Amino acid sequence: MTTMRALIFAVAALVALAPVANATPEDDQYLAILKARNFGGDPDKLIGYAHDACDNYGTPELFVAQVDHMQAIGYTETQTKIIIGLGMQAYCPDKLPKVPAPGAPAPAPLPVPASAPAA
């Protein structure tokens, strides 16, 4: 019995001393912004939601499924938008629409394909 206790103690000590996964600068920034806006929760899950949003971008069905899932587990629509939006700013800003700076010229309209009916 003493050997079993020693083994359990040794395993518990190894688990307690195991290195924790290192957060990236993006993780730290994202979590700090969420904390500043009074968002709490499991950091790994919050980071996961952000990465999922980046991965799901461009596939409406997956993006909607993610939003539905987050709301089903208790996030409000506003909270979901904030978590996803800030996550995309932190992890995949290249996927966000570009907003022109105030006073900048408006972008040129997109060309209409020749096969499109005239309005």
Protein backbone atom coordinates (compact mmCIF):
# COMPACT_ATOMS: atom_id res chain seq x y z
CA MET A 1 0.00 0.00 0.00
CA THR A 2 2.88 2.39 0.75
CA THR A 3 4.33 1.75 -2.70
CA MET A 4 0.98 2.60 -4.29
CA ARG A 5 0.78 5.87 -2.33
CA ALA A 6 4.33 6.76 -3.35
CA LEU A 7 3.51 6.05 -6.99
CA ILE A 8 0.33 8.16 -6.85
CA PHE A 9 2.25 10.99 -5.17
CA ALA A 10 5.00 10.82 -7.81
CA VAL A 11 2.50 10.91 -10.69
CA ALA A 12 0.62 13.80 -9.07
CA ALA A 13 3.88 15.72 -8.65
CA LEU A 14 4.80 15.19 -12.31
CA VAL A 15 1.39 16.37 -13.46
CA ALA A 16 1.56 19.42 -11.21
CA LEU A 17 5.01 20.33 -12.51
CA ALA A 18 4.20 19.69 -16.18
CA PRO A 19 4.82 22.72 -18.37
CA VAL A 20 1.81 24.78 -19.32
CA ALA A 21 1.30 25.51 -23.00
CA ASN A 22 2.82 28.87 -23.89
CA ALA A 23 0.46 31.51 -25.15
CA THR A 24 1.44 33.41 -28.27
CA PRO A 25 1.54 37.22 -28.34
CA GLU A 26 -1.70 37.09 -30.34
CA ASP A 27 -3.29 34.93 -27.63
CA ASP A 28 -2.19 37.35 -24.92
CA GLN A 29 -3.47 40.36 -26.85
CA TYR A 30 -6.81 38.73 -27.65
CA LEU A 31 -7.40 37.58 -24.08
CA ALA A 32 -6.38 40.99 -22.68
CA ILE A 33 -8.88 42.77 -24.93
CA LEU A 34 -11.63 40.34 -23.94
CA LYS A 35 -10.75 40.81 -20.27
CA ALA A 36 -10.86 44.60 -20.68
CA ARG A 37 -14.40 44.17 -22.01
CA ASN A 38 -15.32 41.98 -19.01
CA PHE A 39 -15.36 38.70 -20.92
CA GLY A 40 -14.30 35.76 -18.84
CA GLY A 41 -14.16 32.08 -19.52
CA ASP A 42 -11.80 29.32 -20.42
CA PRO A 43 -8.94 30.96 -22.35
CA ASP A 44 -8.40 27.86 -24.48
CA LYS A 45 -12.05 27.86 -25.55
CA LEU A 46 -12.06 31.58 -26.30
CA ILE A 47 -8.91 31.19 -28.40
CA GLY A 48 -10.49 28.16 -30.08
CA TYR A 49 -13.60 30.16 -31.01
CA ALA A 50 -11.38 32.79 -32.60
CA HIS A 51 -9.40 30.24 -34.60
CA ASP A 52 -12.64 28.52 -35.66
CA ALA A 53 -14.00 31.84 -36.90
CA CYS A 54 -10.89 32.32 -39.03
CA ASP A 55 -11.11 28.77 -40.35
CA ASN A 56 -14.85 29.04 -41.04
CA TYR A 57 -14.64 32.41 -42.77
CA GLY A 58 -15.81 32.12 -46.35
CA THR A 59 -17.99 29.07 -45.63
CA PRO A 60 -21.32 30.54 -44.50
CA GLU A 61 -22.73 27.21 -43.29
CA LEU A 62 -19.81 26.63 -40.92
CA PHE A 63 -19.76 30.22 -39.73
CA VAL A 64 -23.51 30.13 -38.96
CA ALA A 65 -23.09 26.77 -37.20
CA GLN A 66 -20.38 28.29 -34.99
CA VAL A 67 -22.55 31.29 -34.11
CA ASP A 68 -25.50 28.99 -33.37
CA HIS A 69 -23.31 26.78 -31.16
CA MET A 70 -21.95 29.71 -29.19
CA GLN A 71 -25.44 31.06 -28.60
CA ALA A 72 -26.73 27.60 -27.65
CA ILE A 73 -24.13 27.35 -24.88
CA GLY A 74 -25.11 30.70 -23.42
CA TYR A 75 -23.44 33.56 -25.26
CA THR A 76 -25.73 36.35 -26.41
CA GLU A 77 -25.71 37.48 -30.03
CA THR A 78 -23.71 40.57 -29.06
CA GLN A 79 -21.17 38.56 -27.05
CA THR A 80 -20.77 36.11 -29.92
CA LYS A 81 -20.13 38.93 -32.39
CA ILE A 82 -17.56 40.51 -30.07
CA ILE A 83 -15.70 37.25 -29.39
CA ILE A 84 -15.59 36.36 -33.09
CA GLY A 85 -14.83 39.89 -34.30
CA LEU A 86 -11.99 40.47 -31.85
CA GLY A 87 -10.69 36.99 -32.55
CA MET A 88 -10.56 37.64 -36.27
CA GLN A 89 -8.78 40.96 -35.63
CA ALA A 90 -6.19 39.11 -33.56
CA TYR A 91 -5.67 35.97 -35.66
CA CYS A 92 -6.74 36.66 -39.26
CA PRO A 93 -7.10 40.41 -39.84
CA ASP A 94 -6.49 39.84 -43.55
CA LYS A 95 -9.95 38.24 -43.77
CA LEU A 96 -11.77 41.29 -42.42
CA PRO A 97 -13.26 43.80 -44.85
CA LYS A 98 -11.10 46.84 -45.39
CA VAL A 99 -12.70 50.06 -44.15
CA PRO A 100 -11.40 53.19 -45.86
CA ALA A 101 -9.96 55.89 -43.62
CA PRO A 102 -12.11 58.99 -43.13
CA GLY A 103 -11.59 61.35 -46.05
CA ALA A 104 -10.14 58.63 -48.28
CA PRO A 105 -11.60 58.33 -51.76
CA ALA A 106 -14.39 55.80 -52.13
CA PRO A 107 -13.39 52.54 -53.79
CA ALA A 108 -14.33 52.16 -57.43
CA PRO A 109 -17.54 50.19 -58.02
CA LEU A 110 -17.14 46.59 -59.05
CA PRO A 111 -17.53 45.95 -62.76
CA VAL A 112 -20.77 44.32 -63.84
CA PRO A 113 -20.22 41.09 -65.79
CA ALA A 114 -21.41 41.27 -69.40
CA SER A 115 -23.83 38.40 -68.81
CA ALA A 116 -25.59 40.16 -65.92
CA PRO A 117 -28.97 41.71 -66.74
CA ALA A 118 -29.03 45.49 -66.73
CA ALA A 119 -30.80 47.12 -63.80
